[in-house]
Amino acid sequence: MRQAVYKGRGPSQSLSDIYEIRRYELLVQRDQLSEMGLKNVRLRGEGTALEKLRDYKPDDPYRTINWKATARRGKPISTNYEPERSQRVVILLDVGRMMRGVIRVDDPNGEAWNMAKVDFVINSILLLSYVASRKGDQVGLLVVADQIMQYIPPAPGNSHFQKLVEAMYALGSQPVEADYGRAV
């Protein structure tokens, strides 16, 4: 092993490891989201946007019964709702002292290493925000320790995702107690 020191020309950035996100991007481009674990599943009764009215079936939950339509038609009618799109997702990231700990990460290939909790959470947030932005949601970020350290309002698009990546590259845990009251 050889080590060397090179003088830099200026400040440099060290972005989070986004290898996992690149792997998912390739699956998205190939339309293989099922391998990623994302599947379009229609859950009856989930959501708040009215999709359609249909005849009641014995396995339908009672809360899906549309009583006005049932009274008009003289037979039980159920309401189908569709999941909302373009939702606003605000992620709260605690970088207080509890995130200073180290956790052991076991790779499926048999490798294991130690990682700071805050780094693990940042990687998870990047993956969540990537998936949410690809599905059309607006993602925002609120970073809090004993005070609000950073706030990025929710916005759609790939350029906004890059803004989130840049905002999280230099984050580290702080030796203070997180103040959730101030964050709210």
N, C-alpha and C. Protein backbone atom coordinates (compact mmCIF):
# COMPACT_ATOMS: atom_id res chain seq x y z
N MET A 1 0.84 -1.18 0.00
CA MET A 1 0.00 0.00 0.00
C MET A 1 0.88 1.24 0.00
N ARG A 2 0.49 2.23 -0.78
CA ARG A 2 1.26 3.44 -0.92
C ARG A 2 0.38 4.64 -0.59
N GLN A 3 0.92 5.57 0.15
CA GLN A 3 0.19 6.78 0.48
C GLN A 3 0.93 7.98 -0.06
N ALA A 4 0.15 8.98 -0.44
CA ALA A 4 0.75 10.21 -0.95
C ALA A 4 -0.13 11.38 -0.56
N VAL A 5 0.48 12.55 -0.51
CA VAL A 5 -0.25 13.78 -0.19
C VAL A 5 -0.08 14.72 -1.37
N TYR A 6 -1.20 15.22 -1.85
CA TYR A 6 -1.19 16.17 -2.95
C TYR A 6 -1.84 17.46 -2.49
N LYS A 7 -1.23 18.57 -2.85
CA LYS A 7 -1.81 19.86 -2.50
C LYS A 7 -2.95 20.15 -3.44
N GLY A 8 -4.09 20.56 -2.85
CA GLY A 8 -5.26 20.88 -3.65
C GLY A 8 -5.23 22.31 -4.16
N ARG A 9 -5.98 22.55 -5.20
CA ARG A 9 -6.05 23.90 -5.77
C ARG A 9 -7.11 24.74 -5.07
N GLY A 10 -7.99 24.09 -4.34
CA GLY A 10 -9.06 24.80 -3.66
C GLY A 10 -9.90 23.82 -2.87
N PRO A 11 -10.99 24.31 -2.31
CA PRO A 11 -11.84 23.40 -1.53
C PRO A 11 -12.50 22.36 -2.44
N SER A 12 -12.70 21.18 -1.86
CA SER A 12 -13.35 20.12 -2.61
C SER A 12 -14.53 19.57 -1.81
N GLN A 13 -15.44 18.93 -2.52
CA GLN A 13 -16.62 18.36 -1.88
C GLN A 13 -16.51 16.84 -1.90
N SER A 14 -17.04 16.24 -0.86
CA SER A 14 -17.12 14.79 -0.80
C SER A 14 -18.59 14.44 -0.64
N LEU A 15 -19.23 14.04 -1.75
CA LEU A 15 -20.65 13.74 -1.71
C LEU A 15 -20.89 12.35 -1.16
N SER A 16 -22.11 12.11 -0.69
CA SER A 16 -22.47 10.81 -0.15
C SER A 16 -22.36 9.75 -1.23
N ASP A 17 -22.18 8.51 -0.79
CA ASP A 17 -22.09 7.39 -1.71
C ASP A 17 -23.47 7.15 -2.31
N ILE A 18 -23.61 7.45 -3.60
CA ILE A 18 -24.92 7.28 -4.22
C ILE A 18 -24.90 6.13 -5.21
N TYR A 19 -24.05 5.14 -4.95
CA TYR A 19 -23.98 3.96 -5.81
C TYR A 19 -25.33 3.25 -5.86
N GLU A 20 -25.97 3.11 -4.71
CA GLU A 20 -27.28 2.43 -4.67
C GLU A 20 -28.30 3.18 -5.52
N ILE A 21 -28.26 4.48 -5.47
CA ILE A 21 -29.21 5.28 -6.25
C ILE A 21 -28.93 5.11 -7.74
N ARG A 22 -27.68 5.05 -8.13
CA ARG A 22 -27.35 4.83 -9.54
C ARG A 22 -27.87 3.48 -10.01
N ARG A 23 -27.77 2.47 -9.14
CA ARG A 23 -28.27 1.14 -9.50
C ARG A 23 -29.79 1.19 -9.73
N TYR A 24 -30.50 1.93 -8.87
CA TYR A 24 -31.94 2.05 -9.03
C TYR A 24 -32.30 2.87 -10.26
N GLU A 25 -31.48 3.88 -10.57
CA GLU A 25 -31.73 4.68 -11.77
C GLU A 25 -31.67 3.81 -13.02
N LEU A 26 -30.72 2.90 -13.07
CA LEU A 26 -30.62 1.99 -14.21
C LEU A 26 -31.86 1.12 -14.32
N LEU A 27 -32.38 0.65 -13.18
CA LEU A 27 -33.61 -0.15 -13.20
C LEU A 27 -34.80 0.68 -13.66
N VAL A 28 -34.84 1.95 -13.28
CA VAL A 28 -35.93 2.82 -13.71
C VAL A 28 -35.88 3.02 -15.22
N GLN A 29 -34.68 3.25 -15.75
CA GLN A 29 -34.54 3.47 -17.18
C GLN A 29 -34.92 2.23 -17.98
N ARG A 30 -34.67 1.05 -17.41
CA ARG A 30 -35.02 -0.20 -18.09
C ARG A 30 -36.45 -0.64 -17.80
N ASP A 31 -37.18 0.15 -17.02
CA ASP A 31 -38.55 -0.16 -16.61
C ASP A 31 -38.61 -1.49 -15.86
N GLN A 32 -37.67 -1.68 -14.95
CA GLN A 32 -37.60 -2.89 -14.13
C GLN A 32 -37.75 -2.54 -12.65
N LEU A 33 -38.74 -1.72 -12.35
CA LEU A 33 -38.93 -1.27 -10.97
C LEU A 33 -39.29 -2.41 -10.03
N SER A 34 -39.84 -3.49 -10.56
CA SER A 34 -40.20 -4.61 -9.69
C SER A 34 -38.95 -5.22 -9.07
N GLU A 35 -37.81 -5.20 -9.76
CA GLU A 35 -36.57 -5.70 -9.18
C GLU A 35 -36.07 -4.80 -8.06
N MET A 36 -36.45 -3.54 -8.13
CA MET A 36 -36.07 -2.58 -7.10
C MET A 36 -36.95 -2.74 -5.87
N GLY A 37 -38.09 -3.39 -6.05
CA GLY A 37 -39.01 -3.54 -4.94
C GLY A 37 -40.21 -2.63 -5.06
N LEU A 38 -40.23 -1.77 -6.09
CA LEU A 38 -41.36 -0.88 -6.30
C LEU A 38 -42.35 -1.54 -7.23
N LYS A 39 -43.56 -1.66 -6.77
CA LYS A 39 -44.61 -2.24 -7.59
C LYS A 39 -45.83 -1.35 -7.51
N ASN A 40 -46.52 -1.21 -8.61
CA ASN A 40 -47.77 -0.46 -8.59
C ASN A 40 -48.85 -1.37 -8.03
N VAL A 41 -49.22 -1.12 -6.81
CA VAL A 41 -50.23 -1.94 -6.14
C VAL A 41 -51.44 -1.07 -5.89
N ARG A 42 -52.57 -1.52 -6.32
CA ARG A 42 -53.81 -0.79 -6.10
C ARG A 42 -54.44 -1.32 -4.82
N LEU A 43 -54.44 -0.54 -3.80
CA LEU A 43 -55.05 -0.91 -2.54
C LEU A 43 -56.45 -0.33 -2.49
N ARG A 44 -57.44 -1.19 -2.45
CA ARG A 44 -58.82 -0.71 -2.41
C ARG A 44 -59.07 0.04 -1.12
N GLY A 45 -59.70 1.18 -1.24
CA GLY A 45 -60.06 1.96 -0.06
C GLY A 45 -58.96 2.86 0.45
N GLU A 46 -57.77 2.77 -0.11
CA GLU A 46 -56.67 3.61 0.35
C GLU A 46 -56.68 4.92 -0.43
N GLY A 47 -56.26 5.98 0.22
CA GLY A 47 -56.23 7.28 -0.43
C GLY A 47 -57.46 8.09 -0.06
N THR A 48 -57.55 9.29 -0.62
CA THR A 48 -58.70 10.16 -0.33
C THR A 48 -59.37 10.67 -1.59
N ALA A 49 -58.77 10.48 -2.74
CA ALA A 49 -59.37 10.96 -3.99
C ALA A 49 -60.35 9.91 -4.51
N LEU A 50 -61.59 10.35 -4.75
CA LEU A 50 -62.63 9.44 -5.21
C LEU A 50 -62.28 8.93 -6.60
N GLU A 51 -62.28 7.60 -6.76
CA GLU A 51 -62.03 7.00 -8.07
C GLU A 51 -63.34 6.58 -8.72
N LYS A 52 -64.14 5.76 -8.03
CA LYS A 52 -65.41 5.32 -8.61
C LYS A 52 -66.29 4.69 -7.53
N LEU A 53 -67.56 4.54 -7.86
CA LEU A 53 -68.51 3.82 -7.03
C LEU A 53 -68.74 2.46 -7.67
N ARG A 54 -68.91 1.43 -6.84
CA ARG A 54 -69.16 0.09 -7.36
C ARG A 54 -70.03 -0.67 -6.38
N ASP A 55 -70.56 -1.81 -6.81
CA ASP A 55 -71.39 -2.64 -5.94
C ASP A 55 -70.57 -3.14 -4.76
N TYR A 56 -71.22 -3.19 -3.61
CA TYR A 56 -70.58 -3.67 -2.39
C TYR A 56 -70.33 -5.17 -2.49
N LYS A 57 -69.16 -5.61 -2.02
CA LYS A 57 -68.83 -7.03 -1.96
C LYS A 57 -68.67 -7.41 -0.49
N PRO A 58 -68.97 -8.66 -0.14
CA PRO A 58 -68.93 -9.06 1.28
C PRO A 58 -67.58 -8.85 1.96
N ASP A 59 -66.46 -8.86 1.22
CA ASP A 59 -65.16 -8.69 1.86
C ASP A 59 -64.73 -7.22 1.97
N ASP A 60 -65.55 -6.29 1.51
CA ASP A 60 -65.25 -4.87 1.62
C ASP A 60 -65.41 -4.41 3.07
N PRO A 61 -64.53 -3.53 3.55
CA PRO A 61 -64.71 -2.97 4.90
C PRO A 61 -65.95 -2.07 4.93
N TYR A 62 -66.58 -2.02 6.10
CA TYR A 62 -67.80 -1.22 6.24
C TYR A 62 -67.55 0.27 5.99
N ARG A 63 -66.34 0.74 6.28
CA ARG A 63 -66.06 2.16 6.12
C ARG A 63 -66.07 2.60 4.66
N THR A 64 -66.02 1.64 3.71
CA THR A 64 -66.05 2.00 2.29
C THR A 64 -67.47 2.14 1.75
N ILE A 65 -68.46 1.83 2.57
CA ILE A 65 -69.84 1.94 2.10
C ILE A 65 -70.21 3.41 1.93
N ASN A 66 -70.72 3.75 0.76
CA ASN A 66 -71.19 5.10 0.49
C ASN A 66 -72.69 5.10 0.78
N TRP A 67 -73.08 5.67 1.92
CA TRP A 67 -74.45 5.56 2.39
C TRP A 67 -75.42 6.36 1.52
N LYS A 68 -75.00 7.49 0.98
CA LYS A 68 -75.90 8.27 0.12
C LYS A 68 -76.19 7.51 -1.18
N ALA A 69 -75.16 6.94 -1.79
CA ALA A 69 -75.37 6.17 -3.02
C ALA A 69 -76.18 4.92 -2.74
N THR A 70 -75.99 4.30 -1.57
CA THR A 70 -76.75 3.12 -1.18
C THR A 70 -78.23 3.47 -1.07
N ALA A 71 -78.54 4.62 -0.47
CA ALA A 71 -79.94 5.05 -0.32
C ALA A 71 -80.57 5.36 -1.68
N ARG A 72 -79.81 5.98 -2.57
CA ARG A 72 -80.34 6.30 -3.90
C ARG A 72 -80.62 5.07 -4.74
N ARG A 73 -79.71 4.09 -4.69
CA ARG A 73 -79.81 2.92 -5.57
C ARG A 73 -80.57 1.76 -4.94
N GLY A 74 -80.76 1.78 -3.64
CA GLY A 74 -81.50 0.71 -2.99
C GLY A 74 -80.69 -0.56 -2.77
N LYS A 75 -79.39 -0.52 -2.95
CA LYS A 75 -78.50 -1.66 -2.70
C LYS A 75 -77.17 -1.12 -2.21
N PRO A 76 -76.39 -1.92 -1.46
CA PRO A 76 -75.12 -1.42 -0.92
C PRO A 76 -74.12 -1.06 -2.02
N ILE A 77 -73.53 0.13 -1.89
CA ILE A 77 -72.55 0.64 -2.85
C ILE A 77 -71.27 0.99 -2.08
N SER A 78 -70.12 0.57 -2.63
CA SER A 78 -68.82 0.88 -2.04
C SER A 78 -68.14 1.99 -2.83
N THR A 79 -67.29 2.70 -2.15
CA THR A 79 -66.51 3.77 -2.77
C THR A 79 -65.07 3.30 -2.92
N ASN A 80 -64.51 3.45 -4.11
CA ASN A 80 -63.09 3.20 -4.34
C ASN A 80 -62.36 4.53 -4.32
N TYR A 81 -61.26 4.57 -3.60
CA TYR A 81 -60.42 5.76 -3.56
C TYR A 81 -59.09 5.44 -4.23
N GLU A 82 -58.48 6.45 -4.83
CA GLU A 82 -57.17 6.25 -5.42
C GLU A 82 -56.13 6.99 -4.60
N PRO A 83 -54.91 6.45 -4.55
CA PRO A 83 -53.85 7.13 -3.80
C PRO A 83 -53.53 8.49 -4.42
N GLU A 84 -53.17 9.42 -3.56
CA GLU A 84 -52.86 10.76 -4.02
C GLU A 84 -51.50 10.77 -4.72
N ARG A 85 -51.35 11.65 -5.65
CA ARG A 85 -50.09 11.86 -6.35
C ARG A 85 -49.61 13.27 -6.04
N SER A 86 -48.36 13.52 -6.30
CA SER A 86 -47.74 14.83 -6.10
C SER A 86 -47.90 15.31 -4.66
N GLN A 87 -47.61 14.43 -3.73
CA GLN A 87 -47.68 14.79 -2.32
C GLN A 87 -46.41 15.53 -1.90
N ARG A 88 -46.53 16.28 -0.84
CA ARG A 88 -45.36 16.95 -0.26
C ARG A 88 -44.82 16.08 0.87
N VAL A 89 -43.55 15.76 0.78
CA VAL A 89 -42.88 14.94 1.78
C VAL A 89 -41.78 15.80 2.40
N VAL A 90 -41.86 16.03 3.71
CA VAL A 90 -40.82 16.76 4.41
C VAL A 90 -40.13 15.78 5.36
N ILE A 91 -38.84 15.62 5.18
CA ILE A 91 -38.06 14.68 5.98
C ILE A 91 -37.35 15.46 7.06
N LEU A 92 -37.53 15.05 8.31
CA LEU A 92 -36.86 15.68 9.44
C LEU A 92 -35.65 14.83 9.79
N LEU A 93 -34.48 15.41 9.75
CA LEU A 93 -33.23 14.71 10.05
C LEU A 93 -32.67 15.25 11.36
N ASP A 94 -32.58 14.36 12.34
CA ASP A 94 -32.01 14.69 13.65
C ASP A 94 -30.50 14.44 13.58
N VAL A 95 -29.71 15.49 13.78
CA VAL A 95 -28.26 15.33 13.81
C VAL A 95 -27.72 15.62 15.20
N GLY A 96 -28.54 15.34 16.21
CA GLY A 96 -28.14 15.54 17.60
C GLY A 96 -27.19 14.45 18.08
N ARG A 97 -26.90 14.47 19.36
CA ARG A 97 -25.88 13.59 19.92
C ARG A 97 -26.21 12.10 19.81
N MET A 98 -27.48 11.75 19.74
CA MET A 98 -27.85 10.34 19.63
C MET A 98 -27.45 9.74 18.27
N MET A 99 -27.20 10.60 17.30
CA MET A 99 -26.80 10.13 15.97
C MET A 99 -25.28 9.99 15.84
N ARG A 100 -24.55 10.23 16.94
CA ARG A 100 -23.09 10.12 16.91
C ARG A 100 -22.63 8.68 17.04
N GLY A 101 -23.52 7.80 17.46
CA GLY A 101 -23.14 6.41 17.67
C GLY A 101 -22.77 5.71 16.37
N VAL A 102 -22.18 4.53 16.54
CA VAL A 102 -21.73 3.73 15.40
C VAL A 102 -22.57 2.47 15.35
N ILE A 103 -22.96 2.05 14.15
CA ILE A 103 -23.69 0.81 13.99
C ILE A 103 -22.91 -0.10 13.05
N ARG A 104 -23.16 -1.38 13.17
CA ARG A 104 -22.50 -2.37 12.32
C ARG A 104 -23.41 -2.66 11.14
N VAL A 105 -22.85 -2.58 9.95
CA VAL A 105 -23.59 -2.84 8.72
C VAL A 105 -23.09 -4.13 8.12
N ASP A 106 -24.00 -5.08 7.89
CA ASP A 106 -23.65 -6.35 7.27
C ASP A 106 -24.10 -6.34 5.82
N ASP A 107 -23.16 -6.51 4.92
CA ASP A 107 -23.43 -6.54 3.49
C ASP A 107 -23.93 -7.93 3.10
N PRO A 108 -24.84 -8.03 2.12
CA PRO A 108 -25.29 -9.36 1.68
C PRO A 108 -24.14 -10.22 1.13
N ASN A 109 -23.03 -9.60 0.74
CA ASN A 109 -21.88 -10.36 0.23
C ASN A 109 -21.03 -10.93 1.34
N GLY A 110 -21.41 -10.71 2.58
CA GLY A 110 -20.66 -11.25 3.71
C GLY A 110 -19.72 -10.26 4.35
N GLU A 111 -19.56 -9.08 3.77
CA GLU A 111 -18.69 -8.07 4.36
C GLU A 111 -19.44 -7.31 5.44
N ALA A 112 -18.70 -6.80 6.41
CA ALA A 112 -19.29 -6.00 7.48
C ALA A 112 -18.37 -4.83 7.78
N TRP A 113 -18.97 -3.70 8.17
CA TRP A 113 -18.19 -2.54 8.55
C TRP A 113 -19.01 -1.69 9.50
N ASN A 114 -18.33 -0.76 10.14
CA ASN A 114 -18.99 0.16 11.07
C ASN A 114 -19.27 1.47 10.34
N MET A 115 -20.41 2.05 10.67
CA MET A 115 -20.83 3.29 10.03
C MET A 115 -21.51 4.15 11.08
N ALA A 116 -21.29 5.45 11.01
CA ALA A 116 -21.97 6.37 11.92
C ALA A 116 -23.47 6.35 11.62
N LYS A 117 -24.27 6.44 12.67
CA LYS A 117 -25.73 6.43 12.49
C LYS A 117 -26.17 7.52 11.53
N VAL A 118 -25.59 8.70 11.66
CA VAL A 118 -26.01 9.82 10.81
C VAL A 118 -25.72 9.53 9.35
N ASP A 119 -24.62 8.86 9.04
CA ASP A 119 -24.30 8.52 7.65
C ASP A 119 -25.28 7.49 7.11
N PHE A 120 -25.63 6.52 7.93
CA PHE A 120 -26.60 5.51 7.52
C PHE A 120 -27.96 6.16 7.22
N VAL A 121 -28.37 7.08 8.09
CA VAL A 121 -29.65 7.76 7.92
C VAL A 121 -29.61 8.66 6.68
N ILE A 122 -28.51 9.33 6.44
CA ILE A 122 -28.39 10.18 5.25
C ILE A 122 -28.53 9.34 3.99
N ASN A 123 -27.88 8.18 3.95
CA ASN A 123 -28.03 7.30 2.78
C ASN A 123 -29.48 6.86 2.61
N SER A 124 -30.15 6.56 3.71
CA SER A 124 -31.56 6.15 3.64
C SER A 124 -32.44 7.30 3.16
N ILE A 125 -32.16 8.51 3.63
CA ILE A 125 -32.93 9.68 3.21
C ILE A 125 -32.73 9.95 1.72
N LEU A 126 -31.50 9.80 1.26
CA LEU A 126 -31.25 10.01 -0.16
C LEU A 126 -32.02 9.02 -1.01
N LEU A 127 -32.05 7.77 -0.57
CA LEU A 127 -32.79 6.76 -1.33
C LEU A 127 -34.30 7.04 -1.29
N LEU A 128 -34.82 7.39 -0.11
CA LEU A 128 -36.25 7.71 0.01
C LEU A 128 -36.61 8.93 -0.84
N SER A 129 -35.80 9.97 -0.78
CA SER A 129 -36.11 11.17 -1.55
C SER A 129 -35.98 10.92 -3.05
N TYR A 130 -35.06 10.06 -3.44
CA TYR A 130 -34.92 9.71 -4.85
C TYR A 130 -36.18 9.00 -5.36
N VAL A 131 -36.61 8.00 -4.60
CA VAL A 131 -37.81 7.25 -5.01
C VAL A 131 -39.03 8.15 -5.03
N ALA A 132 -39.18 8.98 -3.99
CA ALA A 132 -40.34 9.88 -3.93
C ALA A 132 -40.34 10.88 -5.08
N SER A 133 -39.19 11.43 -5.40
CA SER A 133 -39.14 12.40 -6.50
C SER A 133 -39.37 11.71 -7.85
N ARG A 134 -38.93 10.46 -8.00
CA ARG A 134 -39.19 9.73 -9.25
C ARG A 134 -40.67 9.39 -9.41
N LYS A 135 -41.37 9.25 -8.28
CA LYS A 135 -42.80 8.96 -8.32
C LYS A 135 -43.66 10.22 -8.39
N GLY A 136 -43.02 11.39 -8.50
CA GLY A 136 -43.77 12.62 -8.69
C GLY A 136 -44.07 13.40 -7.43
N ASP A 137 -43.51 12.99 -6.30
CA ASP A 137 -43.75 13.72 -5.06
C ASP A 137 -42.74 14.86 -4.90
N GLN A 138 -43.10 15.83 -4.08
CA GLN A 138 -42.22 16.94 -3.77
C GLN A 138 -41.53 16.63 -2.44
N VAL A 139 -40.21 16.69 -2.41
CA VAL A 139 -39.45 16.31 -1.22
C VAL A 139 -38.75 17.52 -0.64
N GLY A 140 -38.85 17.67 0.69
CA GLY A 140 -38.16 18.73 1.40
C GLY A 140 -37.35 18.14 2.54
N LEU A 141 -36.49 18.95 3.13
CA LEU A 141 -35.60 18.47 4.19
C LEU A 141 -35.51 19.51 5.30
N LEU A 142 -35.62 19.04 6.53
CA LEU A 142 -35.43 19.88 7.71
C LEU A 142 -34.39 19.20 8.58
N VAL A 143 -33.24 19.85 8.76
CA VAL A 143 -32.15 19.30 9.57
C VAL A 143 -32.15 20.04 10.90
N VAL A 144 -32.19 19.27 11.99
CA VAL A 144 -32.31 19.88 13.31
C VAL A 144 -31.34 19.25 14.30
N ALA A 145 -30.76 20.08 15.14
CA ALA A 145 -29.99 19.63 16.31
C ALA A 145 -30.60 20.41 17.48
N ASP A 146 -29.83 21.25 18.16
CA ASP A 146 -30.43 22.09 19.21
C ASP A 146 -31.11 23.31 18.59
N GLN A 147 -30.90 23.52 17.32
CA GLN A 147 -31.57 24.57 16.55
C GLN A 147 -31.76 24.06 15.13
N ILE A 148 -32.54 24.75 14.36
CA ILE A 148 -32.73 24.36 12.97
C ILE A 148 -31.46 24.71 12.21
N MET A 149 -30.85 23.70 11.63
CA MET A 149 -29.59 23.90 10.93
C MET A 149 -29.79 24.18 9.45
N GLN A 150 -30.82 23.57 8.88
CA GLN A 150 -31.05 23.73 7.45
C GLN A 150 -32.49 23.39 7.12
N TYR A 151 -33.08 24.13 6.20
CA TYR A 151 -34.42 23.81 5.73
C TYR A 151 -34.46 24.02 4.22
N ILE A 152 -34.88 22.98 3.53
CA ILE A 152 -35.08 23.06 2.08
C ILE A 152 -36.54 22.75 1.84
N PRO A 153 -37.32 23.72 1.35
CA PRO A 153 -38.75 23.48 1.14
C PRO A 153 -38.99 22.42 0.06
N PRO A 154 -40.12 21.71 0.16
CA PRO A 154 -40.43 20.68 -0.83
C PRO A 154 -40.57 21.26 -2.24
N ALA A 155 -40.01 20.54 -3.19
CA ALA A 155 -40.11 20.91 -4.60
C ALA A 155 -39.94 19.65 -5.44
N PRO A 156 -40.48 19.65 -6.65
CA PRO A 156 -40.35 18.47 -7.50
C PRO A 156 -39.08 18.53 -8.36
N GLY A 157 -38.75 17.40 -8.96
CA GLY A 157 -37.74 17.38 -10.01
C GLY A 157 -36.39 16.85 -9.61
N ASN A 158 -35.63 16.50 -10.65
CA ASN A 158 -34.30 15.94 -10.46
C ASN A 158 -33.30 16.99 -9.98
N SER A 159 -33.45 18.23 -10.42
CA SER A 159 -32.54 19.28 -9.97
C SER A 159 -32.71 19.54 -8.47
N HIS A 160 -33.94 19.40 -7.99
CA HIS A 160 -34.17 19.57 -6.54
C HIS A 160 -33.54 18.41 -5.77
N PHE A 161 -33.60 17.21 -6.32
CA PHE A 161 -32.94 16.07 -5.67
C PHE A 161 -31.44 16.33 -5.56
N GLN A 162 -30.83 16.89 -6.60
CA GLN A 162 -29.40 17.21 -6.55
C GLN A 162 -29.12 18.26 -5.47
N LYS A 163 -30.06 19.16 -5.27
CA LYS A 163 -29.93 20.16 -4.21
C LYS A 163 -29.92 19.48 -2.84
N LEU A 164 -30.77 18.46 -2.67
CA LEU A 164 -30.80 17.71 -1.41
C LEU A 164 -29.48 16.97 -1.19
N VAL A 165 -28.94 16.38 -2.24
CA VAL A 165 -27.65 15.66 -2.14
C VAL A 165 -26.56 16.63 -1.70
N GLU A 166 -26.51 17.79 -2.32
CA GLU A 166 -25.48 18.79 -1.96
C GLU A 166 -25.67 19.30 -0.54
N ALA A 167 -26.91 19.41 -0.09
CA ALA A 167 -27.17 19.91 1.26
C ALA A 167 -26.73 18.91 2.32
N MET A 168 -26.76 17.63 1.99
CA MET A 168 -26.43 16.62 2.99
C MET A 168 -24.98 16.17 2.96
N TYR A 169 -24.18 16.63 2.00
CA TYR A 169 -22.83 16.09 1.88
C TYR A 169 -21.96 16.42 3.07
N ALA A 170 -22.13 17.55 3.70
CA ALA A 170 -21.26 17.96 4.80
C ALA A 170 -21.90 17.79 6.17
N LEU A 171 -23.05 17.13 6.23
CA LEU A 171 -23.72 16.99 7.52
C LEU A 171 -22.99 16.00 8.42
N GLY A 172 -22.95 16.33 9.67
CA GLY A 172 -22.40 15.44 10.68
C GLY A 172 -23.19 15.65 11.96
N SER A 173 -23.05 14.72 12.87
CA SER A 173 -23.80 14.84 14.12
C SER A 173 -23.17 15.90 15.01
N GLN A 174 -23.99 16.50 15.85
CA GLN A 174 -23.56 17.56 16.76
C GLN A 174 -23.61 17.03 18.19
N PRO A 175 -22.73 17.49 19.07
CA PRO A 175 -22.73 17.00 20.45
C PRO A 175 -23.77 17.70 21.34
N VAL A 176 -24.96 17.90 20.83
CA VAL A 176 -26.02 18.57 21.57
C VAL A 176 -27.28 17.73 21.50
N GLU A 177 -28.20 18.01 22.41
CA GLU A 177 -29.49 17.32 22.41
C GLU A 177 -30.40 17.94 21.36
N ALA A 178 -31.10 17.10 20.60
CA ALA A 178 -32.00 17.61 19.56
C ALA A 178 -33.21 18.28 20.20
N ASP A 179 -33.63 19.39 19.62
CA ASP A 179 -34.79 20.14 20.11
C ASP A 179 -35.91 20.03 19.08
N TYR A 180 -36.78 19.04 19.27
CA TYR A 180 -37.87 18.80 18.32
C TYR A 180 -38.93 19.89 18.40
N GLY A 181 -39.11 20.46 19.57
CA GLY A 181 -40.08 21.54 19.73
C GLY A 181 -39.74 22.73 18.85
N ARG A 182 -38.49 23.06 18.80
CA ARG A 182 -38.04 24.17 17.95
C ARG A 182 -38.21 23.82 16.47
N ALA A 183 -38.00 22.56 16.14
CA ALA A 183 -38.14 22.12 14.74
C ALA A 183 -39.60 22.27 14.28
N VAL A 184 -40.52 21.92 15.17
CA VAL A 184 -41.94 22.01 14.81
C VAL A 184 -42.35 23.46 14.76
